Amino acid sequence: EGALEALTRAAQLDPKNLAANYQLGLLHFDVGEQLWAAGRADAARAEFREAVTWLDRALEISPDFGKGLLL
C-alpha cells in the first residue's frame, strides 16, 4: 500500500518518470494476480486494467522499453 502511494506521488510530480509508471503497472499487475488466485476475479480485472494504464504510460515515455512491452 505504501509503495503504491509513494509511486503514485512520484508519477504525479513527474509524469515522465519511466520507473514510477512502470513500477506502478507492475505492482497493480501483482495485486491483480493475488486477487485472481484468491478467486476475486472482478477485483483482479480492475487491477489488471489499472496495470495496463500505467504500463501504457511507461510506453508513451519510452516506446522501446522492453519490460513494459513484455507486460
C-alpha atoms as a PDB file:
ATOM      1  CA  GLU A   1       0.000   0.000   0.000  1.00  0.00           C
ATOM      2  CA  GLY A   2       2.756   2.437   0.908  1.00  0.00           C
ATOM      3  CA  ALA A   3       4.653   1.687  -2.282  1.00  0.00           C
ATOM      4  CA  LEU A   4       1.584   2.398  -4.413  1.00  0.00           C
ATOM      5  CA  GLU A   5       1.064   5.729  -2.654  1.00  0.00           C
ATOM      6  CA  ALA A   6       4.716   6.768  -2.964  1.00  0.00           C
ATOM      7  CA  LEU A   7       4.950   5.790  -6.629  1.00  0.00           C
ATOM      8  CA  THR A   8       1.662   7.485  -7.448  1.00  0.00           C
ATOM      9  CA  ARG A   9       3.003  10.661  -5.853  1.00  0.00           C
ATOM     10  CA  ALA A  10       6.241  10.327  -7.832  1.00  0.00           C
ATOM     11  CA  ALA A  11       4.283   9.945 -11.070  1.00  0.00           C
ATOM     12  CA  GLN A  12       2.176  12.986 -10.192  1.00  0.00           C
ATOM     13  CA  LEU A  13       5.278  15.080  -9.533  1.00  0.00           C
ATOM     14  CA  ASP A  14       6.980  13.866 -12.712  1.00  0.00           C
ATOM     15  CA  PRO A  15       4.578  12.270 -15.209  1.00  0.00           C
ATOM     16  CA  LYS A  16       7.556  11.383 -17.432  1.00  0.00           C
ATOM     17  CA  ASN A  17       9.149   9.262 -14.691  1.00  0.00           C
ATOM     18  CA  LEU A  18       9.545   5.944 -16.510  1.00  0.00           C
ATOM     19  CA  ALA A  19      10.466   3.970 -13.397  1.00  0.00           C
ATOM     20  CA  ALA A  20       7.463   5.191 -11.388  1.00  0.00           C
ATOM     21  CA  ASN A  21       4.991   4.452 -14.189  1.00  0.00           C
ATOM     22  CA  TYR A  22       6.462   1.024 -14.851  1.00  0.00           C
ATOM     23  CA  GLN A  23       6.621   0.068 -11.164  1.00  0.00           C
ATOM     24  CA  LEU A  24       3.018   1.163 -10.647  1.00  0.00           C
ATOM     25  CA  GLY A  25       1.970  -1.067 -13.523  1.00  0.00           C
ATOM     26  CA  LEU A  26       3.980  -3.930 -12.105  1.00  0.00           C
ATOM     27  CA  LEU A  27       2.515  -3.529  -8.604  1.00  0.00           C
ATOM     28  CA  HIS A  28      -1.058  -3.368  -9.898  1.00  0.00           C
ATOM     29  CA  PHE A  29      -0.396  -6.467 -12.000  1.00  0.00           C
ATOM     30  CA  ASP A  30       0.932  -8.283  -8.911  1.00  0.00           C
ATOM     31  CA  VAL A  31      -2.123  -7.299  -6.867  1.00  0.00           C
ATOM     32  CA  GLY A  32      -4.328  -8.497  -9.736  1.00  0.00           C
ATOM     33  CA  GLU A  33      -2.608 -11.878  -9.751  1.00  0.00           C
ATOM     34  CA  GLN A  34      -3.089 -12.224  -5.993  1.00  0.00           C
ATOM     35  CA  LEU A  35      -6.768 -11.334  -6.255  1.00  0.00           C
ATOM     36  CA  TRP A  36      -7.231 -13.753  -9.157  1.00  0.00           C
ATOM     37  CA  ALA A  37      -5.635 -16.565  -7.159  1.00  0.00           C
ATOM     38  CA  ALA A  38      -7.967 -15.733  -4.252  1.00  0.00           C
ATOM     39  CA  GLY A  39     -10.993 -16.144  -6.524  1.00  0.00           C
ATOM     40  CA  ARG A  40     -11.805 -12.426  -6.683  1.00  0.00           C
ATOM     41  CA  ALA A  41     -11.986 -12.159 -10.449  1.00  0.00           C
ATOM     42  CA  ASP A  42     -13.812  -8.816 -10.689  1.00  0.00           C
ATOM     43  CA  ALA A  43     -11.355  -7.058  -8.378  1.00  0.00           C
ATOM     44  CA  ALA A  44      -8.476  -8.712 -10.226  1.00  0.00           C
ATOM     45  CA  ARG A  45      -9.733  -7.431 -13.575  1.00  0.00           C
ATOM     46  CA  ALA A  46      -9.856  -3.892 -12.195  1.00  0.00           C
ATOM     47  CA  GLU A  47      -6.240  -4.192 -11.043  1.00  0.00           C
ATOM     48  CA  PHE A  48      -5.164  -5.609 -14.402  1.00  0.00           C
ATOM     49  CA  ARG A  49      -6.848  -2.661 -16.170  1.00  0.00           C
ATOM     50  CA  GLU A  50      -5.045  -0.255 -13.837  1.00  0.00           C
ATOM     51  CA  ALA A  51      -1.768  -2.055 -14.575  1.00  0.00           C
ATOM     52  CA  VAL A  52      -2.298  -1.615 -18.315  1.00  0.00           C
ATOM     53  CA  THR A  53      -2.961   2.107 -17.822  1.00  0.00           C
ATOM     54  CA  TRP A  54       0.372   2.612 -16.041  1.00  0.00           C
ATOM     55  CA  LEU A  55       2.295   0.379 -18.424  1.00  0.00           C
ATOM     56  CA  ASP A  56       0.838   2.261 -21.387  1.00  0.00           C
ATOM     57  CA  ARG A  57       2.072   5.499 -19.798  1.00  0.00           C
ATOM     58  CA  ALA A  58       5.540   3.974 -19.439  1.00  0.00           C
ATOM     59  CA  LEU A  59       5.486   3.018 -23.124  1.00  0.00           C
ATOM     60  CA  GLU A  60       4.418   6.546 -24.085  1.00  0.00           C
ATOM     61  CA  ILE A  61       7.563   7.781 -22.344  1.00  0.00           C
ATOM     62  CA  SER A  62       9.805   5.110 -23.861  1.00  0.00           C
ATOM     63  CA  PRO A  63       8.170   3.140 -26.709  1.00  0.00           C
ATOM     64  CA  ASP A  64      11.091   0.688 -26.861  1.00  0.00           C
ATOM     65  CA  PHE A  65      11.036  -0.126 -23.129  1.00  0.00           C
ATOM     66  CA  GLY A  66      11.368  -3.919 -23.244  1.00  0.00           C
ATOM     67  CA  LYS A  67       9.952  -4.781 -19.819  1.00  0.00           C
ATOM     68  CA  GLY A  68       6.915  -2.597 -20.454  1.00  0.00           C
ATOM     69  CA  LEU A  69       6.379  -4.255 -23.824  1.00  0.00           C
ATOM     70  CA  LEU A  70       6.510  -7.719 -22.249  1.00  0.00           C
ATOM     71  CA  LEU A  71       3.807  -6.922 -19.718  1.00  0.00           C
END
